[in-house]
């Protein structure tokens, strides 16, 4: 068994609950994507934030652009800025 993958999966499981909670707070009041029922950008932000906390073991600070994405039809979804100082205020990563 690959220990790196095992550690990566452990980190992912460790951080997913708080990342989901943060992204859910960001998504409140945003227009929903008719395909997924989630706010536009929800999955990009979730993936980006989860990768960030897994790499840095900390929450991001400042404004970061979310990468451009593609919907299931291949249409471009634009990048969008996220202010992590405001978004993560009051959230703490699990120990």
N, C-alpha and C. Protein backbone atom coordinates (compact mmCIF):
# COMPACT_ATOMS: atom_id res chain seq x y z
N UNK A 1 0.85 -1.19 0.00
CA UNK A 1 0.00 0.00 0.00
C UNK A 1 0.89 1.24 0.00
N UNK A 2 0.51 2.26 -0.71
CA UNK A 2 1.26 3.49 -0.82
C UNK A 2 0.99 4.37 0.40
N UNK A 3 2.04 4.60 1.23
CA UNK A 3 1.88 5.40 2.44
C UNK A 3 1.54 6.84 2.15
N UNK A 4 2.06 7.39 1.05
CA UNK A 4 1.76 8.78 0.69
C UNK A 4 0.27 8.94 0.45
N UNK A 5 -0.32 8.04 -0.30
CA UNK A 5 -1.75 8.13 -0.55
C UNK A 5 -2.54 7.97 0.74
N UNK A 6 -2.12 7.06 1.58
CA UNK A 6 -2.79 6.86 2.86
C UNK A 6 -2.75 8.13 3.68
N UNK A 7 -1.59 8.78 3.74
CA UNK A 7 -1.48 10.04 4.49
C UNK A 7 -2.34 11.13 3.85
N UNK A 8 -2.35 11.17 2.52
CA UNK A 8 -3.18 12.16 1.83
C UNK A 8 -4.66 11.95 2.10
N UNK A 9 -5.08 10.71 2.09
CA UNK A 9 -6.49 10.41 2.38
C UNK A 9 -6.83 10.74 3.83
N UNK A 10 -5.89 10.52 4.74
CA UNK A 10 -6.11 10.88 6.16
C UNK A 10 -6.27 12.39 6.30
N UNK A 11 -5.38 13.15 5.63
CA UNK A 11 -5.48 14.61 5.69
C UNK A 11 -6.79 15.10 5.09
N UNK A 12 -7.17 14.51 3.97
CA UNK A 12 -8.42 14.90 3.32
C UNK A 12 -9.61 14.66 4.26
N UNK A 13 -9.66 13.50 4.88
CA UNK A 13 -10.75 13.19 5.82
C UNK A 13 -10.70 14.11 7.03
N UNK A 14 -9.51 14.47 7.47
CA UNK A 14 -9.33 15.33 8.64
C UNK A 14 -9.86 16.75 8.38
N UNK A 15 -9.58 17.28 7.19
CA UNK A 15 -9.91 18.67 6.89
C UNK A 15 -11.26 18.87 6.18
N UNK A 16 -11.80 17.84 5.56
CA UNK A 16 -13.03 18.00 4.79
C UNK A 16 -14.18 18.60 5.59
N UNK A 17 -14.43 18.20 6.83
CA UNK A 17 -15.58 18.80 7.54
C UNK A 17 -15.48 20.31 7.71
N UNK A 18 -14.32 20.84 8.09
CA UNK A 18 -14.21 22.29 8.28
C UNK A 18 -14.22 23.00 6.93
N UNK A 19 -13.60 22.42 5.91
CA UNK A 19 -13.63 23.03 4.58
C UNK A 19 -15.07 23.10 4.08
N UNK A 20 -15.82 22.04 4.27
CA UNK A 20 -17.23 22.03 3.85
C UNK A 20 -18.01 23.10 4.60
N UNK A 21 -17.77 23.23 5.88
CA UNK A 21 -18.47 24.24 6.68
C UNK A 21 -18.14 25.66 6.20
N UNK A 22 -16.88 25.90 5.89
CA UNK A 22 -16.47 27.22 5.39
C UNK A 22 -17.12 27.51 4.04
N UNK A 23 -17.08 26.54 3.13
CA UNK A 23 -17.65 26.74 1.79
C UNK A 23 -19.16 26.89 1.87
N UNK A 24 -19.80 26.14 2.74
CA UNK A 24 -21.26 26.30 2.92
C UNK A 24 -21.58 27.71 3.39
N UNK A 25 -20.77 28.28 4.27
CA UNK A 25 -21.03 29.66 4.72
C UNK A 25 -20.83 30.65 3.58
N UNK A 26 -19.84 30.39 2.73
CA UNK A 26 -19.61 31.25 1.56
C UNK A 26 -20.80 31.17 0.60
N UNK A 27 -21.37 29.99 0.45
CA UNK A 27 -22.43 29.75 -0.54
C UNK A 27 -23.78 30.33 -0.15
N UNK A 28 -23.96 30.66 1.12
CA UNK A 28 -25.27 31.17 1.57
C UNK A 28 -25.68 32.40 0.77
N UNK A 29 -26.86 32.33 0.19
CA UNK A 29 -27.42 33.46 -0.54
C UNK A 29 -26.94 33.61 -1.97
N UNK A 30 -26.02 32.76 -2.40
CA UNK A 30 -25.53 32.85 -3.78
C UNK A 30 -26.47 32.08 -4.71
N UNK A 31 -26.56 32.50 -5.97
CA UNK A 31 -27.41 31.78 -6.93
C UNK A 31 -26.95 30.33 -7.08
N UNK A 32 -27.92 29.45 -7.22
CA UNK A 32 -27.61 28.03 -7.34
C UNK A 32 -27.44 27.63 -8.80
N UNK A 33 -26.53 26.71 -9.02
CA UNK A 33 -26.33 26.10 -10.32
C UNK A 33 -27.46 25.10 -10.51
N UNK A 34 -28.18 25.18 -11.60
CA UNK A 34 -29.33 24.29 -11.81
C UNK A 34 -28.93 22.83 -11.95
N UNK A 35 -27.70 22.55 -12.37
CA UNK A 35 -27.24 21.17 -12.53
C UNK A 35 -26.93 20.51 -11.19
N UNK A 36 -26.26 21.24 -10.30
CA UNK A 36 -25.78 20.63 -9.06
C UNK A 36 -26.61 21.00 -7.84
N UNK A 37 -27.34 22.11 -7.91
CA UNK A 37 -28.07 22.58 -6.74
C UNK A 37 -27.18 23.30 -5.74
N UNK A 38 -25.93 23.49 -6.08
CA UNK A 38 -24.96 24.20 -5.24
C UNK A 38 -24.66 25.55 -5.89
N UNK A 39 -24.10 26.46 -5.10
CA UNK A 39 -23.73 27.78 -5.63
C UNK A 39 -22.69 27.63 -6.72
N UNK A 40 -22.76 28.49 -7.73
CA UNK A 40 -21.74 28.50 -8.77
C UNK A 40 -20.38 28.71 -8.13
N UNK A 41 -19.43 27.86 -8.43
CA UNK A 41 -18.09 27.95 -7.86
C UNK A 41 -17.89 27.11 -6.61
N UNK A 42 -18.95 26.50 -6.11
CA UNK A 42 -18.89 25.71 -4.87
C UNK A 42 -17.82 24.62 -4.93
N UNK A 43 -17.82 23.85 -6.00
CA UNK A 43 -16.89 22.72 -6.08
C UNK A 43 -15.46 23.18 -6.33
N UNK A 44 -15.28 24.26 -7.11
CA UNK A 44 -13.93 24.79 -7.32
C UNK A 44 -13.36 25.32 -6.02
N UNK A 45 -14.17 26.08 -5.28
CA UNK A 45 -13.71 26.62 -4.00
C UNK A 45 -13.41 25.49 -3.02
N UNK A 46 -14.26 24.49 -2.96
CA UNK A 46 -14.03 23.36 -2.06
C UNK A 46 -12.71 22.67 -2.38
N UNK A 47 -12.48 22.36 -3.64
CA UNK A 47 -11.26 21.67 -4.05
C UNK A 47 -10.03 22.53 -3.77
N UNK A 48 -10.11 23.82 -4.10
CA UNK A 48 -8.97 24.72 -3.90
C UNK A 48 -8.65 24.83 -2.42
N UNK A 49 -9.67 25.06 -1.60
CA UNK A 49 -9.44 25.25 -0.17
C UNK A 49 -8.93 23.97 0.49
N UNK A 50 -9.48 22.83 0.11
CA UNK A 50 -9.02 21.57 0.68
C UNK A 50 -7.56 21.33 0.33
N UNK A 51 -7.20 21.55 -0.92
CA UNK A 51 -5.80 21.39 -1.33
C UNK A 51 -4.90 22.35 -0.55
N UNK A 52 -5.34 23.59 -0.40
CA UNK A 52 -4.54 24.59 0.32
C UNK A 52 -4.28 24.15 1.76
N UNK A 53 -5.32 23.79 2.49
CA UNK A 53 -5.12 23.43 3.91
C UNK A 53 -4.33 22.13 4.04
N UNK A 54 -4.47 21.21 3.11
CA UNK A 54 -3.68 19.98 3.16
C UNK A 54 -2.19 20.28 2.94
N UNK A 55 -1.87 21.23 2.08
CA UNK A 55 -0.48 21.58 1.80
C UNK A 55 0.14 22.45 2.89
N UNK A 56 -0.65 23.37 3.46
CA UNK A 56 -0.09 24.38 4.36
C UNK A 56 -0.46 24.19 5.83
N UNK A 57 -1.41 23.31 6.11
CA UNK A 57 -1.90 23.10 7.47
C UNK A 57 -2.31 24.42 8.12
N UNK A 58 -2.88 25.30 7.32
CA UNK A 58 -3.38 26.59 7.79
C UNK A 58 -4.43 27.09 6.81
N UNK A 59 -5.20 28.05 7.27
CA UNK A 59 -6.20 28.68 6.40
C UNK A 59 -5.55 29.80 5.61
N UNK A 60 -5.98 30.03 4.38
CA UNK A 60 -5.40 31.11 3.58
C UNK A 60 -5.79 32.48 4.16
N UNK A 61 -4.96 33.45 3.88
CA UNK A 61 -5.20 34.84 4.28
C UNK A 61 -5.30 35.69 3.03
N UNK A 62 -6.06 36.77 3.12
CA UNK A 62 -6.16 37.70 2.01
C UNK A 62 -7.12 37.22 0.93
N UNK A 63 -7.03 37.89 -0.21
CA UNK A 63 -7.90 37.59 -1.35
C UNK A 63 -7.14 36.68 -2.31
N UNK A 64 -7.80 35.61 -2.71
CA UNK A 64 -7.22 34.68 -3.68
C UNK A 64 -8.23 34.47 -4.81
N UNK A 65 -7.75 34.45 -6.06
CA UNK A 65 -8.65 34.15 -7.17
C UNK A 65 -8.88 32.64 -7.27
N UNK A 66 -10.12 32.24 -7.41
CA UNK A 66 -10.42 30.84 -7.69
C UNK A 66 -10.16 30.62 -9.17
N UNK A 67 -9.64 29.48 -9.52
CA UNK A 67 -9.31 29.24 -10.92
C UNK A 67 -10.55 29.20 -11.81
N UNK A 68 -10.33 29.52 -13.07
CA UNK A 68 -11.38 29.37 -14.07
C UNK A 68 -11.76 27.90 -14.12
N UNK A 69 -13.01 27.62 -14.42
CA UNK A 69 -13.45 26.23 -14.48
C UNK A 69 -14.25 25.95 -15.73
N UNK A 70 -14.74 24.73 -15.82
CA UNK A 70 -15.60 24.31 -16.93
C UNK A 70 -16.80 23.61 -16.36
N UNK A 71 -17.97 23.87 -16.94
CA UNK A 71 -19.16 23.15 -16.51
C UNK A 71 -19.23 21.82 -17.24
N UNK A 72 -20.26 21.06 -16.98
CA UNK A 72 -20.34 19.72 -17.58
C UNK A 72 -20.51 19.75 -19.09
N UNK A 73 -20.83 20.91 -19.64
CA UNK A 73 -20.97 21.06 -21.09
C UNK A 73 -19.70 21.62 -21.72
N UNK A 74 -18.66 21.83 -20.90
CA UNK A 74 -17.40 22.36 -21.40
C UNK A 74 -17.36 23.86 -21.50
N UNK A 75 -18.40 24.54 -21.03
CA UNK A 75 -18.42 26.00 -21.07
C UNK A 75 -17.53 26.56 -19.97
N UNK A 76 -16.86 27.66 -20.28
CA UNK A 76 -15.97 28.30 -19.32
C UNK A 76 -16.76 28.95 -18.20
N UNK A 77 -16.31 28.70 -16.98
CA UNK A 77 -16.84 29.40 -15.80
C UNK A 77 -15.73 30.32 -15.32
N UNK A 78 -16.02 31.61 -15.17
CA UNK A 78 -14.96 32.57 -14.87
C UNK A 78 -14.36 32.40 -13.47
N UNK A 79 -13.13 32.88 -13.36
CA UNK A 79 -12.46 32.96 -12.07
C UNK A 79 -13.24 33.95 -11.20
N UNK A 80 -13.12 33.81 -9.90
CA UNK A 80 -13.76 34.77 -8.99
C UNK A 80 -12.89 34.93 -7.75
N UNK A 81 -12.86 36.14 -7.17
CA UNK A 81 -12.04 36.37 -5.99
C UNK A 81 -12.76 35.92 -4.71
N UNK A 82 -11.99 35.44 -3.75
CA UNK A 82 -12.53 35.08 -2.44
C UNK A 82 -11.67 35.76 -1.38
N UNK A 83 -12.32 36.51 -0.49
CA UNK A 83 -11.64 37.17 0.63
C UNK A 83 -11.63 36.20 1.81
N UNK A 84 -10.51 35.52 1.99
CA UNK A 84 -10.42 34.52 3.04
C UNK A 84 -10.33 35.11 4.44
N UNK A 85 -9.90 36.37 4.57
CA UNK A 85 -9.89 36.98 5.89
C UNK A 85 -11.30 37.05 6.44
N UNK A 86 -12.24 37.48 5.61
CA UNK A 86 -13.65 37.55 6.04
C UNK A 86 -14.28 36.17 6.11
N UNK A 87 -14.01 35.33 5.12
CA UNK A 87 -14.65 34.04 5.03
C UNK A 87 -14.26 33.10 6.16
N UNK A 88 -13.01 33.11 6.56
CA UNK A 88 -12.54 32.15 7.56
C UNK A 88 -12.56 32.71 8.98
N UNK A 89 -13.03 33.94 9.15
CA UNK A 89 -13.09 34.53 10.48
C UNK A 89 -13.95 33.64 11.40
N UNK A 90 -13.38 33.21 12.50
CA UNK A 90 -14.09 32.37 13.45
C UNK A 90 -13.90 30.88 13.22
N UNK A 91 -13.30 30.51 12.10
CA UNK A 91 -13.05 29.09 11.83
C UNK A 91 -11.64 28.72 12.26
N UNK A 92 -11.49 27.51 12.77
CA UNK A 92 -10.19 27.01 13.20
C UNK A 92 -10.04 25.61 12.62
N UNK A 93 -8.86 25.31 12.14
CA UNK A 93 -8.59 23.97 11.63
C UNK A 93 -8.51 23.00 12.81
N UNK A 94 -8.96 21.78 12.60
CA UNK A 94 -8.85 20.79 13.68
C UNK A 94 -7.40 20.47 13.98
N UNK A 95 -7.13 20.15 15.24
CA UNK A 95 -5.75 19.86 15.67
C UNK A 95 -5.27 18.51 15.25
